[in-house]
Amino acid sequence: MKKRWIIMMIIIIIISITGVMLPETPGIWETDALFNPANVAWIITATILVLMMTPGLSFFYGGMVGKKNVISTILQSFIAMGIISVIWVVFGFSLAFGEDIGGFIGNPATFFMFSNVGAKVDTYLAPTIPLALYALFQMKFAIITPSLITGSFAERIRFSSYMVFLALFCTFIYCPLAHWTWHPDGFLRQMGVLDFAGGIVVHASSGIAALTGAIFLGGRTDKDKPHHPANIPLVILGAALLWLGWFGFNAGSSLASDSTAIKAFLNTNTASAMAMTVWLVLDCLRGRKPSALGAAIGAVVGLVAITPSAGYVTVGQSIFIAFTTTIVCNIAVYWKNKTKVDDALDVFPTHGMGGIFGTILTGIFVNGLIAGNIRIFMNHILAVIIVCGYTFLVSYCLYWLTNKMIPMRVSQKSEEIGLDISQHDEIYGE
């Protein structure tokens, strides 16, 4: 066991020494007069809000699991803030937004170790804010995406293997998808596919990877026993932080303090409110009592649903998108519970299906099917198929590779005593 930590330390040392040896690129810190102060202030704020979503997700997931796995589940999201931040600076931003290579990936040398990234103008990516700020804003998306996956294999994954998978997912799945969709020369972008803030890049990819992980790792040993969430108020706190942070996630994706940001802000709040209400009503129609857990899940589903179209659609359309997507996700959760797939916290039925269906609706409402543009609509369908297929195949390979390096599934004894003790030697509530 000690050997794997020695290897990780060697990698950290190499990165640290490389950083010292690379001099700062001259001329990347330019005068503030080149930028729009209002846009800079807003995107700084939005970046902070998006980062806040990751601890919010930690609480959201942490409250849902059993009491003996709360700390482990929270840490699985929280550690992404460390690992992904380093990867993003070293080569992740380059892979996602570096000089285009064939519409599929960025040149890893373009911004290696954040070279050529600073308070400089980049008319291609972010003409009114410093490139460094744009890179930081995009970093927060890269952080939360793999964190979303953790809910699917909660209560049974080895922490050290998860750290390895986290790095591999960012490198081989998230960065390519971000380049395809958000880089001006990415092939999905060139096809006219619209993803305002991450419907397919963030939610569809994390949902598919979550489904793959649940299949690969197999079910929990106590899957069929009654499950009692450790802390419902913690779930509500997490959902509230996610709702608040999502304003930066969606409205910040306008990259300006403008009317598009305001539209995205309005649509985000409206969709979440609608979805929360619909989810509660659907549960009651099934004979259940309205629950705090259901309200929290519904609110998050609405946030996911509006993400790909937040800055494009009308507020009326956002209500319809939230309504229909919530029904789809609620049915998906119901169906999933009848299968043997142990997606512990319903990541695929909520985030995966929400991102997929939200993207399809974007192709309907935004210069697509309703406007008579069948090609744009079909391109959104094709994008969903490509992203889901790529993510499933590559994530399965990454799970397999990680498992070969470090077994991903904890022992039955470790699972029975809980990951808080077996993986971290800590106890929730003490």
Protein backbone atom coordinates (compact mmCIF):
# COMPACT_ATOMS: atom_id res chain seq x y z
CA MET A 1 0.00 0.00 0.00
CA LYS A 2 2.82 2.38 0.84
CA LYS A 3 4.27 1.96 -2.66
CA ARG A 4 1.31 3.70 -4.34
CA TRP A 5 1.70 6.75 -2.10
CA ILE A 6 5.42 6.89 -2.84
CA ILE A 7 4.64 6.95 -6.56
CA MET A 8 2.12 9.76 -6.05
CA MET A 9 4.67 11.76 -4.07
CA ILE A 10 7.26 11.32 -6.83
CA ILE A 11 4.76 12.70 -9.36
CA ILE A 12 4.08 15.70 -7.11
CA ILE A 13 7.82 16.36 -6.72
CA ILE A 14 8.35 16.24 -10.50
CA ILE A 15 5.51 18.71 -11.07
CA SER A 16 6.89 21.04 -8.39
CA ILE A 17 10.43 21.03 -9.81
CA THR A 18 9.14 21.53 -13.36
CA GLY A 19 7.17 24.53 -12.21
CA VAL A 20 10.24 26.14 -10.67
CA MET A 21 12.35 25.54 -13.79
CA LEU A 22 9.87 27.11 -16.23
CA PRO A 23 10.21 30.91 -16.36
CA GLU A 24 7.13 33.09 -16.67
CA THR A 25 6.31 34.03 -20.23
CA PRO A 26 7.17 37.72 -20.77
CA GLY A 27 4.33 40.09 -21.54
CA ILE A 28 1.38 37.99 -20.34
CA TRP A 29 0.44 40.42 -17.59
CA GLU A 30 -0.86 43.43 -19.47
CA THR A 31 -2.62 46.64 -18.54
CA ASP A 32 -6.09 46.43 -17.01
CA ALA A 33 -7.27 49.03 -19.53
CA LEU A 34 -7.66 46.24 -22.08
CA PHE A 35 -10.53 44.61 -20.21
CA ASN A 36 -14.14 45.38 -19.31
CA PRO A 37 -14.15 45.97 -15.52
CA ALA A 38 -17.80 44.93 -15.11
CA ASN A 39 -17.17 41.66 -16.94
CA VAL A 40 -14.05 40.98 -14.90
CA ALA A 41 -15.87 41.59 -11.62
CA TRP A 42 -18.80 39.37 -12.62
CA ILE A 43 -16.69 36.45 -13.83
CA ILE A 44 -14.57 36.58 -10.66
CA THR A 45 -17.83 36.35 -8.69
CA ALA A 46 -19.17 33.58 -10.94
CA THR A 47 -15.93 31.62 -10.55
CA ILE A 48 -16.28 31.74 -6.78
CA LEU A 49 -19.92 30.62 -7.03
CA VAL A 50 -19.06 27.65 -9.28
CA LEU A 51 -16.29 26.52 -6.93
CA MET A 52 -18.79 26.66 -4.06
CA MET A 53 -20.85 24.03 -5.87
CA THR A 54 -18.27 21.33 -5.14
CA PRO A 55 -18.52 21.54 -1.33
CA GLY A 56 -22.26 21.91 -1.89
CA LEU A 57 -22.22 18.62 -3.76
CA SER A 58 -20.18 17.12 -0.93
CA PHE A 59 -22.93 17.93 1.55
CA PHE A 60 -25.67 16.87 -0.91
CA TYR A 61 -24.13 13.43 -1.41
CA GLY A 62 -22.76 13.13 2.13
CA GLY A 63 -26.18 13.49 3.70
CA MET A 64 -27.68 10.80 1.46
CA VAL A 65 -25.34 7.93 2.29
CA GLY A 66 -25.30 5.84 5.43
CA LYS A 67 -23.75 7.30 8.56
CA LYS A 68 -20.60 5.17 8.32
CA ASN A 69 -19.74 6.64 4.89
CA VAL A 70 -20.44 10.37 5.29
CA ILE A 71 -16.84 11.58 5.59
CA SER A 72 -15.62 9.39 2.75
CA THR A 73 -18.38 10.58 0.42
CA ILE A 74 -17.76 14.24 1.25
CA LEU A 75 -14.02 13.86 0.74
CA GLN A 76 -14.45 12.20 -2.66
CA SER A 77 -15.92 15.46 -3.98
CA PHE A 78 -13.70 17.75 -1.96
CA ILE A 79 -10.41 16.15 -3.09
CA ALA A 80 -11.24 17.06 -6.70
CA MET A 81 -10.63 20.69 -5.81
CA GLY A 82 -7.01 19.75 -5.18
CA ILE A 83 -6.21 17.16 -7.83
CA ILE A 84 -8.09 18.71 -10.76
CA SER A 85 -6.79 22.22 -9.99
CA VAL A 86 -3.21 20.98 -10.36
CA ILE A 87 -3.95 18.97 -13.51
CA TRP A 88 -5.73 21.97 -15.05
CA VAL A 89 -2.72 24.23 -14.52
CA VAL A 90 -0.17 21.67 -15.72
CA PHE A 91 -1.86 20.46 -18.92
CA GLY A 92 -5.67 20.25 -18.57
CA PHE A 93 -6.41 23.77 -19.78
CA SER A 94 -4.16 23.15 -22.77
CA LEU A 95 -5.96 19.94 -23.70
CA ALA A 96 -9.35 21.64 -23.45
CA PHE A 97 -8.62 25.09 -24.85
CA GLY A 98 -5.15 24.97 -26.36
CA GLU A 99 -4.36 25.29 -30.06
CA ASP A 100 -6.76 23.02 -31.90
CA ILE A 101 -5.62 19.67 -33.26
CA GLY A 102 -8.14 18.35 -35.77
CA GLY A 103 -11.16 19.59 -33.84
CA PHE A 104 -10.67 16.84 -31.24
CA ILE A 105 -8.10 18.05 -28.68
CA GLY A 106 -5.96 20.99 -27.75
CA ASN A 107 -2.18 21.10 -28.05
CA PRO A 108 -0.86 20.23 -24.55
CA ALA A 109 2.10 22.59 -25.08
CA THR A 110 -0.03 25.68 -25.72
CA PHE A 111 -0.66 26.52 -22.07
CA PHE A 112 1.59 23.95 -20.35
CA MET A 113 2.06 24.98 -16.69
CA PHE A 114 -0.15 27.99 -17.55
CA SER A 115 2.52 29.38 -19.86
CA ASN A 116 1.01 32.17 -21.98
CA VAL A 117 -1.84 32.41 -19.49
CA GLY A 118 -2.20 35.65 -17.58
CA ALA A 119 -3.87 39.06 -17.78
CA LYS A 120 -3.64 39.01 -21.56
CA VAL A 121 -6.18 39.47 -24.31
CA ASP A 122 -7.32 36.35 -26.13
CA THR A 123 -9.84 37.40 -28.73
CA TYR A 124 -10.48 33.76 -29.59
CA LEU A 125 -11.53 32.59 -26.11
CA ALA A 126 -12.26 35.56 -23.86
CA PRO A 127 -11.87 39.00 -25.46
CA THR A 128 -13.10 41.15 -22.55
CA ILE A 129 -11.59 39.37 -19.52
CA PRO A 130 -8.05 38.18 -18.71
CA LEU A 131 -7.25 34.74 -20.10
CA ALA A 132 -6.19 33.63 -16.61
CA LEU A 133 -9.67 34.44 -15.31
CA TYR A 134 -11.28 32.50 -18.15
CA ALA A 135 -9.00 29.55 -17.35
CA LEU A 136 -9.94 29.70 -13.66
CA PHE A 137 -13.66 29.85 -14.48
CA GLN A 138 -13.36 26.81 -16.73
CA MET A 139 -11.31 25.02 -14.07
CA LYS A 140 -14.29 24.96 -11.71
CA PHE A 141 -16.35 23.06 -14.30
CA ALA A 142 -13.54 20.53 -14.62
CA ILE A 143 -13.53 20.11 -10.84
CA ILE A 144 -17.20 19.40 -10.30
CA THR A 145 -17.73 17.05 -13.26
CA PRO A 146 -15.87 14.00 -11.88
CA SER A 147 -17.20 14.82 -8.41
CA LEU A 148 -20.72 14.18 -9.71
CA ILE A 149 -19.74 10.62 -10.62
CA THR A 150 -18.93 9.67 -7.02
CA GLY A 151 -22.57 9.27 -6.05
CA SER A 152 -22.92 6.20 -8.25
CA PHE A 153 -20.23 4.10 -6.55
CA ALA A 154 -20.65 5.57 -3.07
CA GLU A 155 -19.96 3.35 -0.05
CA ARG A 156 -17.72 0.85 -1.85
CA ILE A 157 -14.78 2.50 -3.64
CA ARG A 158 -11.15 2.57 -2.48
CA PHE A 159 -10.07 6.19 -2.02
CA SER A 160 -6.58 5.84 -3.53
CA SER A 161 -7.95 4.24 -6.69
CA TYR A 162 -10.58 6.97 -6.93
CA MET A 163 -7.79 9.58 -6.92
CA VAL A 164 -6.20 7.84 -9.90
CA PHE A 165 -9.52 7.59 -11.76
CA LEU A 166 -10.19 11.26 -11.05
CA ALA A 167 -7.00 12.27 -12.87
CA LEU A 168 -7.63 9.89 -15.77
CA PHE A 169 -11.24 11.04 -16.24
CA CYS A 170 -10.21 14.68 -16.43
CA THR A 171 -7.44 13.93 -18.93
CA PHE A 172 -9.14 11.50 -21.28
CA ILE A 173 -12.82 12.38 -21.04
CA TYR A 174 -13.54 15.84 -19.67
CA CYS A 175 -10.82 17.78 -21.52
CA PRO A 176 -11.62 16.28 -24.94
CA LEU A 177 -15.37 16.86 -24.48
CA ALA A 178 -14.76 20.47 -23.42
CA HIS A 179 -12.63 20.99 -26.52
CA TRP A 180 -15.19 19.41 -28.85
CA THR A 181 -18.00 21.56 -27.50
CA TRP A 182 -16.60 24.85 -26.23
CA HIS A 183 -13.41 25.50 -28.19
CA PRO A 184 -14.24 27.60 -31.29
CA ASP A 185 -12.65 24.93 -33.51
CA GLY A 186 -14.09 21.89 -31.68
CA PHE A 187 -15.92 19.59 -34.07
CA LEU A 188 -19.23 19.64 -32.14
CA ARG A 189 -19.07 23.42 -31.97
CA GLN A 190 -18.47 23.51 -35.72
CA MET A 191 -21.57 21.32 -36.18
CA GLY A 192 -23.65 24.02 -34.50
CA VAL A 193 -24.19 22.07 -31.28
CA LEU A 194 -25.07 24.41 -28.42
CA ASP A 195 -24.22 23.67 -24.80
CA PHE A 196 -24.46 26.91 -22.88
CA ALA A 197 -23.00 25.69 -19.58
CA GLY A 198 -22.42 21.94 -19.65
CA GLY A 199 -25.45 19.82 -20.44
CA ILE A 200 -23.36 17.27 -22.33
CA VAL A 201 -19.83 18.27 -21.28
CA VAL A 202 -20.61 18.10 -17.56
CA HIS A 203 -23.86 16.26 -16.87
CA ALA A 204 -24.26 13.75 -19.69
CA SER A 205 -20.60 12.73 -19.38
CA SER A 206 -20.68 12.39 -15.59
CA GLY A 207 -24.00 10.54 -15.75
CA ILE A 208 -22.74 8.01 -18.29
CA ALA A 209 -19.45 7.56 -16.41
CA ALA A 210 -21.49 7.06 -13.23
CA LEU A 211 -23.61 4.36 -14.87
CA THR A 212 -20.45 2.68 -16.17
CA GLY A 213 -18.85 2.80 -12.72
CA ALA A 214 -21.91 1.30 -11.06
CA ILE A 215 -21.86 -1.55 -13.56
CA PHE A 216 -18.11 -2.09 -13.28
CA LEU A 217 -17.91 -2.08 -9.48
CA GLY A 218 -21.09 -4.04 -8.90
CA GLY A 219 -23.66 -3.49 -6.17
CA ARG A 220 -23.13 -2.85 -2.49
CA THR A 221 -23.29 -5.89 -0.23
CA ASP A 222 -26.31 -4.41 1.58
CA LYS A 223 -28.02 -2.96 -1.51
CA ASP A 224 -31.30 -4.76 -0.84
CA LYS A 225 -31.51 -3.70 2.80
CA PRO A 226 -33.51 -0.61 3.86
CA HIS A 227 -31.37 2.52 3.46
CA HIS A 228 -31.50 5.46 5.87
CA PRO A 229 -29.78 8.71 4.81
CA ALA A 230 -27.37 9.93 7.45
CA ASN A 231 -28.44 13.57 7.54
CA ILE A 232 -31.35 15.06 5.56
CA PRO A 233 -30.59 18.65 6.68
CA LEU A 234 -27.11 18.16 5.20
CA VAL A 235 -28.75 17.24 1.89
CA ILE A 236 -30.89 20.39 2.00
CA LEU A 237 -27.81 22.51 2.77
CA GLY A 238 -25.99 20.93 -0.16
CA ALA A 239 -28.92 21.51 -2.52
CA ALA A 240 -29.14 25.14 -1.40
CA LEU A 241 -25.42 25.68 -2.07
CA LEU A 242 -25.76 24.00 -5.45
CA TRP A 243 -28.74 26.21 -6.34
CA LEU A 244 -26.82 29.33 -5.33
CA GLY A 245 -23.61 28.26 -7.04
CA TRP A 246 -25.49 27.36 -10.21
CA PHE A 247 -26.11 31.05 -10.84
CA GLY A 248 -22.38 31.35 -11.45
CA PHE A 249 -22.37 28.08 -13.39
CA ASN A 250 -25.05 29.21 -15.87
CA ALA A 251 -25.12 33.00 -15.77
CA GLY A 252 -21.33 33.15 -15.65
CA SER A 253 -21.16 31.20 -18.90
CA SER A 254 -22.17 34.36 -20.75
CA LEU A 255 -18.61 35.52 -19.92
CA ALA A 256 -19.99 39.03 -19.57
CA SER A 257 -22.12 41.18 -17.31
CA ASP A 258 -24.90 41.48 -19.85
CA SER A 259 -28.49 40.61 -20.74
CA THR A 260 -27.55 37.01 -21.57
CA ALA A 261 -26.26 36.54 -18.03
CA ILE A 262 -29.51 37.94 -16.64
CA LYS A 263 -31.58 35.65 -18.86
CA ALA A 264 -29.53 32.64 -17.74
CA PHE A 265 -29.92 33.72 -14.11
CA LEU A 266 -33.71 34.00 -14.47
CA ASN A 267 -34.09 30.72 -16.32
CA THR A 268 -31.88 28.88 -13.84
CA ASN A 269 -33.93 29.92 -10.83
CA THR A 270 -37.25 29.35 -12.57
CA ALA A 271 -36.35 25.88 -13.82
CA SER A 272 -35.10 24.74 -10.42
CA ALA A 273 -38.25 26.03 -8.70
CA MET A 274 -40.49 24.34 -11.23
CA ALA A 275 -38.65 21.04 -11.06
CA MET A 276 -38.71 20.94 -7.27
CA THR A 277 -42.48 21.43 -7.30
CA VAL A 278 -43.06 18.84 -10.04
CA TRP A 279 -40.88 16.24 -8.29
CA LEU A 280 -42.87 16.58 -5.05
CA VAL A 281 -46.18 16.30 -6.89
CA LEU A 282 -45.01 13.20 -8.78
CA ASP A 283 -43.96 11.55 -5.53
CA CYS A 284 -47.33 12.32 -3.97
CA LEU A 285 -49.15 10.93 -7.01
CA ARG A 286 -47.27 7.67 -6.36
CA GLY A 287 -48.69 7.60 -2.84
CA ARG A 288 -45.62 8.94 -1.04
CA LYS A 289 -45.49 11.83 1.38
CA PRO A 290 -43.79 15.06 0.23
CA SER A 291 -40.21 14.75 1.44
CA ALA A 292 -37.30 17.10 1.99
CA LEU A 293 -35.09 14.65 0.10
CA GLY A 294 -37.45 14.71 -2.88
CA ALA A 295 -37.56 18.50 -2.89
CA ALA A 296 -33.75 18.69 -2.88
CA ILE A 297 -33.39 16.15 -5.70
CA GLY A 298 -36.07 17.87 -7.77
CA ALA A 299 -34.40 21.26 -7.42
CA VAL A 300 -31.09 19.85 -8.65
CA VAL A 301 -32.78 18.11 -11.59
CA GLY A 302 -34.19 21.47 -12.68
CA LEU A 303 -30.74 23.03 -12.50
CA VAL A 304 -29.33 20.23 -14.65
CA ALA A 305 -32.17 20.42 -17.18
CA ILE A 306 -31.75 24.13 -17.94
CA THR A 307 -27.95 24.11 -18.06
CA PRO A 308 -27.48 23.48 -21.82
CA SER A 309 -29.98 26.17 -22.85
CA ALA A 310 -29.96 28.65 -19.94
CA GLY A 311 -28.79 31.69 -21.92
CA TYR A 312 -30.79 30.94 -25.05
CA VAL A 313 -34.42 30.13 -24.18
CA THR A 314 -37.31 32.22 -22.87
CA VAL A 315 -38.49 31.92 -19.29
CA GLY A 316 -41.64 30.17 -20.51
CA GLN A 317 -39.54 27.62 -22.34
CA SER A 318 -37.43 27.11 -19.21
CA ILE A 319 -40.60 26.15 -17.32
CA PHE A 320 -41.50 23.60 -19.99
CA ILE A 321 -37.95 22.22 -20.07
CA ALA A 322 -37.95 21.78 -16.29
CA PHE A 323 -41.41 20.20 -16.31
CA THR A 324 -40.72 17.61 -18.99
CA THR A 325 -37.17 16.79 -17.90
CA THR A 326 -38.29 16.28 -14.30
CA ILE A 327 -40.89 13.74 -15.43
CA VAL A 328 -38.24 11.92 -17.47
CA CYS A 329 -35.74 11.87 -14.59
CA ASN A 330 -38.35 10.82 -12.03
CA ILE A 331 -39.41 7.90 -14.22
CA ALA A 332 -35.73 7.04 -14.80
CA VAL A 333 -35.15 6.81 -11.05
CA TYR A 334 -38.22 4.59 -10.70
CA TRP A 335 -37.04 2.28 -13.50
CA LYS A 336 -33.46 2.18 -12.21
CA ASN A 337 -34.66 0.97 -8.84
CA LYS A 338 -36.17 -2.06 -10.55
CA THR A 339 -32.81 -3.08 -12.05
CA LYS A 340 -29.73 -4.63 -10.50
CA VAL A 341 -27.57 -1.58 -11.31
CA ASP A 342 -26.52 -0.02 -8.01
CA ASP A 343 -26.19 3.66 -8.89
CA ALA A 344 -26.31 4.50 -5.21
CA LEU A 345 -27.36 8.16 -5.40
CA ASP A 346 -29.12 8.09 -8.78
CA VAL A 347 -26.47 10.03 -10.67
CA PHE A 348 -27.38 8.66 -14.11
CA PRO A 349 -31.18 9.04 -13.78
CA THR A 350 -30.84 12.64 -12.58
CA HIS A 351 -27.65 14.19 -13.97
CA GLY A 352 -27.20 11.88 -16.94
CA MET A 353 -30.78 11.86 -18.15
CA GLY A 354 -31.22 15.52 -17.21
CA GLY A 355 -28.20 16.56 -19.28
CA ILE A 356 -29.17 14.34 -22.22
CA PHE A 357 -32.83 15.39 -22.34
CA GLY A 358 -31.96 19.04 -21.72
CA THR A 359 -29.57 18.94 -24.68
CA ILE A 360 -32.22 17.39 -26.93
CA LEU A 361 -34.67 20.12 -25.90
CA THR A 362 -32.00 22.72 -26.71
CA GLY A 363 -31.95 21.32 -30.24
CA ILE A 364 -35.71 21.77 -30.36
CA PHE A 365 -36.05 25.29 -28.98
CA VAL A 366 -32.82 27.09 -29.95
CA ASN A 367 -32.84 27.69 -33.71
CA GLY A 368 -33.69 24.03 -34.10
CA LEU A 369 -36.78 21.94 -34.71
CA ILE A 370 -39.32 24.63 -33.80
CA ALA A 371 -37.62 27.03 -36.21
CA GLY A 372 -37.78 24.37 -38.93
CA ASN A 373 -34.05 23.65 -38.75
CA ILE A 374 -34.05 19.86 -38.64
CA ARG A 375 -30.28 19.69 -39.22
CA ILE A 376 -29.49 21.53 -35.97
CA PHE A 377 -31.88 19.28 -34.06
CA MET A 378 -30.38 16.12 -35.54
CA ASN A 379 -26.87 17.39 -34.78
CA HIS A 380 -27.82 17.70 -31.12
CA ILE A 381 -29.12 14.13 -31.18
CA LEU A 382 -25.89 13.03 -32.86
CA ALA A 383 -23.82 14.93 -30.27
CA VAL A 384 -25.61 13.12 -27.44
CA ILE A 385 -24.93 9.75 -29.10
CA ILE A 386 -21.26 10.58 -29.69
CA VAL A 387 -20.65 11.92 -26.18
CA CYS A 388 -22.48 9.08 -24.46
CA GLY A 389 -20.81 6.41 -26.58
CA TYR A 390 -17.34 7.90 -26.15
CA THR A 391 -17.78 8.39 -22.41
CA PHE A 392 -19.10 4.87 -21.83
CA LEU A 393 -16.29 3.17 -23.75
CA VAL A 394 -13.44 5.31 -22.45
CA SER A 395 -14.67 5.41 -18.85
CA TYR A 396 -15.00 1.62 -18.82
CA CYS A 397 -11.40 1.38 -20.04
CA LEU A 398 -10.31 3.84 -17.35
CA TYR A 399 -12.09 1.88 -14.63
CA TRP A 400 -10.42 -1.29 -15.92
CA LEU A 401 -6.99 0.37 -16.05
CA THR A 402 -7.35 1.90 -12.60
CA ASN A 403 -8.48 -1.42 -11.19
CA LYS A 404 -5.36 -3.05 -12.60
CA MET A 405 -3.17 -0.46 -10.88
CA ILE A 406 -5.09 -0.29 -7.59
CA PRO A 407 -8.15 -2.48 -6.89
CA MET A 408 -11.13 -0.12 -6.93
CA ARG A 409 -13.52 -2.12 -4.78
CA VAL A 410 -12.82 -2.24 -1.04
CA SER A 411 -12.96 -5.56 0.77
CA GLN A 412 -16.27 -6.81 2.13
CA LYS A 413 -15.03 -6.22 5.67
CA SER A 414 -14.06 -2.61 4.85
CA GLU A 415 -17.46 -2.05 3.28
CA GLU A 416 -19.25 -3.47 6.31
CA ILE A 417 -17.44 -1.27 8.83
CA GLY A 418 -17.76 1.73 6.53
CA LEU A 419 -15.34 3.73 4.41
CA ASP A 420 -14.95 6.47 7.02
CA ILE A 421 -13.06 4.07 9.28
CA SER A 422 -11.53 1.71 6.70
CA GLN A 423 -10.30 4.41 4.31
CA HIS A 424 -9.75 7.46 6.51
CA ASP A 425 -9.73 6.33 10.14
CA GLU A 426 -12.32 8.97 10.99
CA ILE A 427 -15.82 8.81 12.45
CA TYR A 428 -18.76 11.03 11.52
CA GLY A 429 -20.28 12.80 14.50
CA GLU A 430 -17.36 12.28 16.88
